[in-house]
Amino acid sequence: MTDLSEHRDVTPAEQPYIDGKFVSLCSCGREFTGDDPDHADSQLLDHMFPDDTN
């Protein structure tokens, strides 16, 4: 299981939109992009919880 102290969602309330993509941010410094906010958030969650299966 991922240590949540290393991986937290630190995306500002107003989600960044850079170069035509929405950006979600992890406290470890990684950025995740998507065509819409939900897609970017989904990628971040996959990073934070890699062993979770849907």
Protein backbone atom coordinates (compact mmCIF):
# COMPACT_ATOMS: atom_id res chain seq x y z
CA MET A 1 0.00 0.00 0.00
CA THR A 2 1.19 3.50 -0.79
CA ASP A 3 2.24 5.70 2.15
CA LEU A 4 -0.28 8.53 1.98
CA SER A 5 2.12 10.90 3.72
CA GLU A 6 4.17 10.80 0.52
CA HIS A 7 1.24 11.04 -1.87
CA ARG A 8 -1.56 13.54 -1.35
CA ASP A 9 -3.71 15.50 -3.76
CA VAL A 10 -2.36 19.06 -3.62
CA THR A 11 -4.28 20.34 -6.65
CA PRO A 12 -5.57 23.87 -6.04
CA ALA A 13 -9.37 24.28 -5.79
CA GLU A 14 -9.28 26.00 -9.18
CA GLN A 15 -7.67 23.18 -11.17
CA PRO A 16 -4.81 24.37 -13.38
CA TYR A 17 -5.38 24.29 -17.15
CA ILE A 18 -2.07 24.27 -19.02
CA ASP A 19 -1.48 23.79 -22.76
CA GLY A 20 -5.03 22.54 -23.31
CA LYS A 21 -4.94 19.99 -20.47
CA PHE A 22 -6.24 19.95 -16.90
CA VAL A 23 -3.57 19.22 -14.30
CA SER A 24 -3.80 17.35 -10.99
CA LEU A 25 -0.85 17.56 -8.61
CA CYS A 26 0.62 15.05 -6.15
CA SER A 27 2.57 16.11 -3.07
CA CYS A 28 5.52 14.04 -4.40
CA GLY A 29 5.84 16.54 -7.25
CA ARG A 30 4.31 14.54 -10.11
CA GLU A 31 1.74 16.14 -12.39
CA PHE A 32 -1.09 14.28 -14.09
CA THR A 33 -2.91 15.67 -17.09
CA GLY A 34 -6.22 14.95 -18.75
CA ASP A 35 -8.66 16.32 -21.28
CA ASP A 36 -11.06 17.06 -18.42
CA PRO A 37 -10.65 17.44 -14.63
CA ASP A 38 -12.02 13.95 -13.92
CA HIS A 39 -9.47 12.31 -16.22
CA ALA A 40 -6.56 14.13 -14.56
CA ASP A 41 -7.91 13.22 -11.11
CA SER A 42 -8.31 9.59 -12.16
CA GLN A 43 -4.66 9.41 -13.18
CA LEU A 44 -3.63 10.95 -9.85
CA LEU A 45 -5.73 8.42 -7.92
CA ASP A 46 -4.17 5.55 -9.90
CA HIS A 47 -0.77 6.91 -8.82
CA MET A 48 -1.79 7.29 -5.18
CA PHE A 49 -3.52 3.89 -4.96
CA PRO A 50 -1.78 1.64 -7.53
CA ASP A 51 -3.07 -1.61 -6.01
CA ASP A 52 -6.74 -0.57 -6.08
CA THR A 53 -8.83 -2.38 -8.64
CA ASN A 54 -12.18 -1.06 -9.81
